[in-house]
Amino acid sequence: MGKLRTFLWFNGDAEAAVAHYQTIFPDLVIAETLRYGPGMMMPEGSVLTINFTLFGQAFVAMNSPKDHAFTPSVSILVECETQAEIDHYWDGLLDGGTSMACGWLTDKFGVTWQITPRLLLDWIHDPDADRQQRVFSAMVNMIKLDLPALQRAYDGS
């Protein structure tokens, strides 16, 4: 495991969030769950932290009695190879959440995700400025990203 972990602070629903993510990401592996003990800030036995990995990246989900909200200024980007993969992650994470432009969404727990075709990341760095502009213009008019439409924009067709 590397030296960095993404720490996600939930307002009492960390266990539900991780369980939800497990239904969407079959490779999510829970490494450890710690629970609050007697006399701590939350009820005894409730989840304190859940350490898990997702695509090899370490995360910690923490429950706290303090009300802190996630914002879209920090998001988790999921690189997708196919439209089917985009649809799977988009539909699962959007359930109970809110969609945003350009393939971004906020899930029902307040975490913001970018569901992005890997090719898009290449295309927006293409040395051909016309291709970049066509792809970017197509992307900003989308909510959920449409890989075939982005491919057509890239190709100029």
C-alpha atoms as a PDB file:
ATOM      1  CA  MET A   1       0.000   0.000   0.000  1.00  0.00           C
ATOM      2  CA  GLY A   2       1.281   3.454  -0.868  1.00  0.00           C
ATOM      3  CA  LYS A   3       1.770   6.379   1.476  1.00  0.00           C
ATOM      4  CA  LEU A   4      -1.394   8.210   0.414  1.00  0.00           C
ATOM      5  CA  ARG A   5      -5.002   7.373   1.275  1.00  0.00           C
ATOM      6  CA  THR A   6      -8.144   9.236   0.352  1.00  0.00           C
ATOM      7  CA  PHE A   7     -10.033   9.989   3.564  1.00  0.00           C
ATOM      8  CA  LEU A   8     -13.803  10.399   3.219  1.00  0.00           C
ATOM      9  CA  TRP A   9     -15.672  11.885   6.188  1.00  0.00           C
ATOM     10  CA  PHE A  10     -19.301  10.791   6.337  1.00  0.00           C
ATOM     11  CA  ASN A  11     -22.021  12.100   8.638  1.00  0.00           C
ATOM     12  CA  GLY A  12     -23.009   8.734  10.122  1.00  0.00           C
ATOM     13  CA  ASP A  13     -23.505   6.753   6.911  1.00  0.00           C
ATOM     14  CA  ALA A  14     -20.005   5.481   6.078  1.00  0.00           C
ATOM     15  CA  GLU A  15     -21.086   1.856   6.424  1.00  0.00           C
ATOM     16  CA  ALA A  16     -24.047   2.346   4.077  1.00  0.00           C
ATOM     17  CA  ALA A  17     -21.854   4.229   1.592  1.00  0.00           C
ATOM     18  CA  VAL A  18     -19.187   1.505   1.450  1.00  0.00           C
ATOM     19  CA  ALA A  19     -21.870  -1.197   1.150  1.00  0.00           C
ATOM     20  CA  HIS A  20     -23.408   0.761  -1.751  1.00  0.00           C
ATOM     21  CA  TYR A  21     -20.036   1.157  -3.453  1.00  0.00           C
ATOM     22  CA  GLN A  22     -19.448  -2.612  -3.135  1.00  0.00           C
ATOM     23  CA  THR A  23     -22.570  -3.225  -5.250  1.00  0.00           C
ATOM     24  CA  ILE A  24     -21.134  -0.999  -8.002  1.00  0.00           C
ATOM     25  CA  PHE A  25     -17.437  -1.837  -7.810  1.00  0.00           C
ATOM     26  CA  PRO A  26     -16.937  -5.614  -7.498  1.00  0.00           C
ATOM     27  CA  ASP A  27     -13.213  -5.167  -6.803  1.00  0.00           C
ATOM     28  CA  LEU A  28     -13.795  -3.035  -3.674  1.00  0.00           C
ATOM     29  CA  VAL A  29     -12.052  -4.847  -0.821  1.00  0.00           C
ATOM     30  CA  ILE A  30     -12.630  -3.967   2.816  1.00  0.00           C
ATOM     31  CA  ALA A  31      -9.379  -4.339   4.752  1.00  0.00           C
ATOM     32  CA  GLU A  32     -10.560  -3.349   8.224  1.00  0.00           C
ATOM     33  CA  THR A  33     -13.581  -1.949  10.046  1.00  0.00           C
ATOM     34  CA  LEU A  34     -13.104  -0.173  13.376  1.00  0.00           C
ATOM     35  CA  ARG A  35     -16.052   0.597  15.645  1.00  0.00           C
ATOM     36  CA  TYR A  36     -16.624   3.205  18.323  1.00  0.00           C
ATOM     37  CA  GLY A  37     -16.174   1.962  21.875  1.00  0.00           C
ATOM     38  CA  PRO A  38     -17.886   3.020  25.083  1.00  0.00           C
ATOM     39  CA  GLY A  39     -17.763   6.714  25.918  1.00  0.00           C
ATOM     40  CA  MET A  40     -16.624   7.792  22.448  1.00  0.00           C
ATOM     41  CA  MET A  41     -18.213  10.484  20.227  1.00  0.00           C
ATOM     42  CA  MET A  42     -20.691   8.134  18.503  1.00  0.00           C
ATOM     43  CA  PRO A  43     -22.830   5.263  19.816  1.00  0.00           C
ATOM     44  CA  GLU A  44     -20.865   2.214  20.910  1.00  0.00           C
ATOM     45  CA  GLY A  45     -20.592  -0.326  18.091  1.00  0.00           C
ATOM     46  CA  SER A  46     -21.216   2.146  15.279  1.00  0.00           C
ATOM     47  CA  VAL A  47     -18.574   2.386  12.560  1.00  0.00           C
ATOM     48  CA  LEU A  48     -15.625   4.637  13.257  1.00  0.00           C
ATOM     49  CA  THR A  49     -13.647   3.854  10.089  1.00  0.00           C
ATOM     50  CA  ILE A  50     -13.684   1.421   7.206  1.00  0.00           C
ATOM     51  CA  ASN A  51     -10.395   0.941   5.369  1.00  0.00           C
ATOM     52  CA  PHE A  52     -10.895  -0.284   1.822  1.00  0.00           C
ATOM     53  CA  THR A  53      -9.260  -0.386  -1.577  1.00  0.00           C
ATOM     54  CA  LEU A  54     -10.875   0.420  -4.884  1.00  0.00           C
ATOM     55  CA  PHE A  55      -8.903  -0.293  -8.076  1.00  0.00           C
ATOM     56  CA  GLY A  56      -5.829  -0.578  -5.850  1.00  0.00           C
ATOM     57  CA  GLN A  57      -6.327   2.901  -4.333  1.00  0.00           C
ATOM     58  CA  ALA A  58      -6.589   3.091  -0.535  1.00  0.00           C
ATOM     59  CA  PHE A  59      -9.579   4.835   1.029  1.00  0.00           C
ATOM     60  CA  VAL A  60     -10.759   5.410   4.578  1.00  0.00           C
ATOM     61  CA  ALA A  61     -14.461   6.041   5.208  1.00  0.00           C
ATOM     62  CA  MET A  62     -15.042   7.655   8.617  1.00  0.00           C
ATOM     63  CA  ASN A  63     -18.204   8.386  10.553  1.00  0.00           C
ATOM     64  CA  SER A  64     -18.327  11.542  12.602  1.00  0.00           C
ATOM     65  CA  PRO A  65     -21.010  13.267  14.626  1.00  0.00           C
ATOM     66  CA  LYS A  66     -19.991  16.607  13.119  1.00  0.00           C
ATOM     67  CA  ASP A  67     -21.806  17.800  10.030  1.00  0.00           C
ATOM     68  CA  HIS A  68     -19.289  18.296   7.232  1.00  0.00           C
ATOM     69  CA  ALA A  69     -20.336  18.178   3.608  1.00  0.00           C
ATOM     70  CA  PHE A  70     -18.399  16.964   0.601  1.00  0.00           C
ATOM     71  CA  THR A  71     -18.103  19.453  -2.265  1.00  0.00           C
ATOM     72  CA  PRO A  72     -17.447  18.973  -5.999  1.00  0.00           C
ATOM     73  CA  SER A  73     -14.090  20.704  -5.518  1.00  0.00           C
ATOM     74  CA  VAL A  74     -12.765  17.202  -4.749  1.00  0.00           C
ATOM     75  CA  SER A  75     -13.937  14.298  -6.893  1.00  0.00           C
ATOM     76  CA  ILE A  76     -13.063  10.713  -7.694  1.00  0.00           C
ATOM     77  CA  LEU A  77     -12.410  10.057 -11.384  1.00  0.00           C
ATOM     78  CA  VAL A  78     -13.250   6.600 -12.744  1.00  0.00           C
ATOM     79  CA  GLU A  79     -11.571   5.869 -16.098  1.00  0.00           C
ATOM     80  CA  CYS A  80     -13.810   3.748 -18.322  1.00  0.00           C
ATOM     81  CA  GLU A  81     -12.932   1.767 -21.433  1.00  0.00           C
ATOM     82  CA  THR A  82     -16.418   1.308 -22.941  1.00  0.00           C
ATOM     83  CA  GLN A  83     -19.842   2.914 -23.003  1.00  0.00           C
ATOM     84  CA  ALA A  84     -21.167  -0.111 -21.096  1.00  0.00           C
ATOM     85  CA  GLU A  85     -18.671   0.583 -18.324  1.00  0.00           C
ATOM     86  CA  ILE A  86     -19.637   4.284 -18.298  1.00  0.00           C
ATOM     87  CA  ASP A  87     -23.317   3.307 -18.084  1.00  0.00           C
ATOM     88  CA  HIS A  88     -22.689   0.821 -15.243  1.00  0.00           C
ATOM     89  CA  TYR A  89     -20.809   3.250 -12.993  1.00  0.00           C
ATOM     90  CA  TRP A  90     -22.999   6.204 -13.911  1.00  0.00           C
ATOM     91  CA  ASP A  91     -26.268   4.391 -13.216  1.00  0.00           C
ATOM     92  CA  GLY A  92     -25.052   2.832  -9.964  1.00  0.00           C
ATOM     93  CA  LEU A  93     -23.543   5.985  -8.512  1.00  0.00           C
ATOM     94  CA  LEU A  94     -26.327   8.289  -9.721  1.00  0.00           C
ATOM     95  CA  ASP A  95     -29.009   6.235  -7.903  1.00  0.00           C
ATOM     96  CA  GLY A  96     -30.331   8.763  -5.373  1.00  0.00           C
ATOM     97  CA  GLY A  97     -27.738  11.350  -6.401  1.00  0.00           C
ATOM     98  CA  THR A  98     -27.544  14.332  -8.733  1.00  0.00           C
ATOM     99  CA  SER A  99     -26.073  14.551 -12.228  1.00  0.00           C
ATOM    100  CA  MET A 100     -23.863  17.398 -13.362  1.00  0.00           C
ATOM    101  CA  ALA A 101     -22.348  18.375 -16.689  1.00  0.00           C
ATOM    102  CA  CYS A 102     -19.388  16.716 -18.383  1.00  0.00           C
ATOM    103  CA  GLY A 103     -19.750  13.264 -16.821  1.00  0.00           C
ATOM    104  CA  TRP A 104     -19.769  14.453 -13.198  1.00  0.00           C
ATOM    105  CA  LEU A 105     -22.285  13.363 -10.582  1.00  0.00           C
ATOM    106  CA  THR A 106     -22.761  13.576  -6.844  1.00  0.00           C
ATOM    107  CA  ASP A 107     -23.900  10.324  -5.262  1.00  0.00           C
ATOM    108  CA  LYS A 108     -26.558  10.028  -2.540  1.00  0.00           C
ATOM    109  CA  PHE A 109     -23.838  10.307   0.118  1.00  0.00           C
ATOM    110  CA  GLY A 110     -22.520  13.605  -1.270  1.00  0.00           C
ATOM    111  CA  VAL A 111     -19.322  12.249  -2.881  1.00  0.00           C
ATOM    112  CA  THR A 112     -18.612  13.668  -6.342  1.00  0.00           C
ATOM    113  CA  TRP A 113     -17.476  11.326  -9.117  1.00  0.00           C
ATOM    114  CA  GLN A 114     -16.277  11.829 -12.690  1.00  0.00           C
ATOM    115  CA  ILE A 115     -17.255   8.915 -14.938  1.00  0.00           C
ATOM    116  CA  THR A 116     -14.867   9.452 -17.823  1.00  0.00           C
ATOM    117  CA  PRO A 117     -13.830   7.491 -20.902  1.00  0.00           C
ATOM    118  CA  ARG A 118     -10.071   6.936 -20.840  1.00  0.00           C
ATOM    119  CA  LEU A 119      -9.938   7.981 -24.499  1.00  0.00           C
ATOM    120  CA  LEU A 120     -11.364  11.403 -23.625  1.00  0.00           C
ATOM    121  CA  LEU A 121      -8.330  12.047 -21.446  1.00  0.00           C
ATOM    122  CA  ASP A 122      -6.117  11.329 -24.474  1.00  0.00           C
ATOM    123  CA  TRP A 123      -8.263  13.289 -26.911  1.00  0.00           C
ATOM    124  CA  ILE A 124      -8.274  16.527 -24.921  1.00  0.00           C
ATOM    125  CA  HIS A 125      -4.459  16.389 -24.999  1.00  0.00           C
ATOM    126  CA  ASP A 126      -4.260  15.687 -28.726  1.00  0.00           C
ATOM    127  CA  PRO A 127      -1.721  17.951 -30.444  1.00  0.00           C
ATOM    128  CA  ASP A 128      -4.352  18.749 -33.111  1.00  0.00           C
ATOM    129  CA  ALA A 129      -6.140  21.844 -31.757  1.00  0.00           C
ATOM    130  CA  ASP A 130      -9.193  21.235 -33.990  1.00  0.00           C
ATOM    131  CA  ARG A 131      -9.680  17.743 -32.553  1.00  0.00           C
ATOM    132  CA  GLN A 132      -9.286  19.090 -29.025  1.00  0.00           C
ATOM    133  CA  GLN A 133     -11.891  21.778 -29.651  1.00  0.00           C
ATOM    134  CA  ARG A 134     -14.410  19.406 -31.261  1.00  0.00           C
ATOM    135  CA  VAL A 135     -14.149  16.920 -28.401  1.00  0.00           C
ATOM    136  CA  PHE A 136     -14.292  19.610 -25.744  1.00  0.00           C
ATOM    137  CA  SER A 137     -17.322  21.248 -27.379  1.00  0.00           C
ATOM    138  CA  ALA A 138     -19.115  17.894 -27.533  1.00  0.00           C
ATOM    139  CA  MET A 139     -18.258  17.062 -23.916  1.00  0.00           C
ATOM    140  CA  VAL A 140     -19.511  20.323 -22.398  1.00  0.00           C
ATOM    141  CA  ASN A 141     -22.945  19.717 -23.913  1.00  0.00           C
ATOM    142  CA  MET A 142     -23.291  16.285 -22.270  1.00  0.00           C
ATOM    143  CA  ILE A 143     -24.415  15.204 -18.834  1.00  0.00           C
ATOM    144  CA  LYS A 144     -23.486  11.486 -18.914  1.00  0.00           C
ATOM    145  CA  LEU A 145     -20.639  11.131 -21.391  1.00  0.00           C
ATOM    146  CA  ASP A 146     -21.461   9.401 -24.675  1.00  0.00           C
ATOM    147  CA  LEU A 147     -18.315   7.676 -25.924  1.00  0.00           C
ATOM    148  CA  PRO A 148     -19.544   7.069 -29.522  1.00  0.00           C
ATOM    149  CA  ALA A 149     -20.571  10.744 -29.837  1.00  0.00           C
ATOM    150  CA  LEU A 150     -17.209  11.848 -28.463  1.00  0.00           C
ATOM    151  CA  GLN A 151     -15.474   9.529 -30.947  1.00  0.00           C
ATOM    152  CA  ARG A 152     -17.458  11.130 -33.808  1.00  0.00           C
ATOM    153  CA  ALA A 153     -16.438  14.596 -32.577  1.00  0.00           C
ATOM    154  CA  TYR A 154     -12.814  13.526 -32.385  1.00  0.00           C
ATOM    155  CA  ASP A 155     -12.970  12.054 -35.896  1.00  0.00           C
ATOM    156  CA  GLY A 156     -14.747  15.141 -37.256  1.00  0.00           C
ATOM    157  CA  SER A 157     -17.690  13.124 -38.541  1.00  0.00           C
END
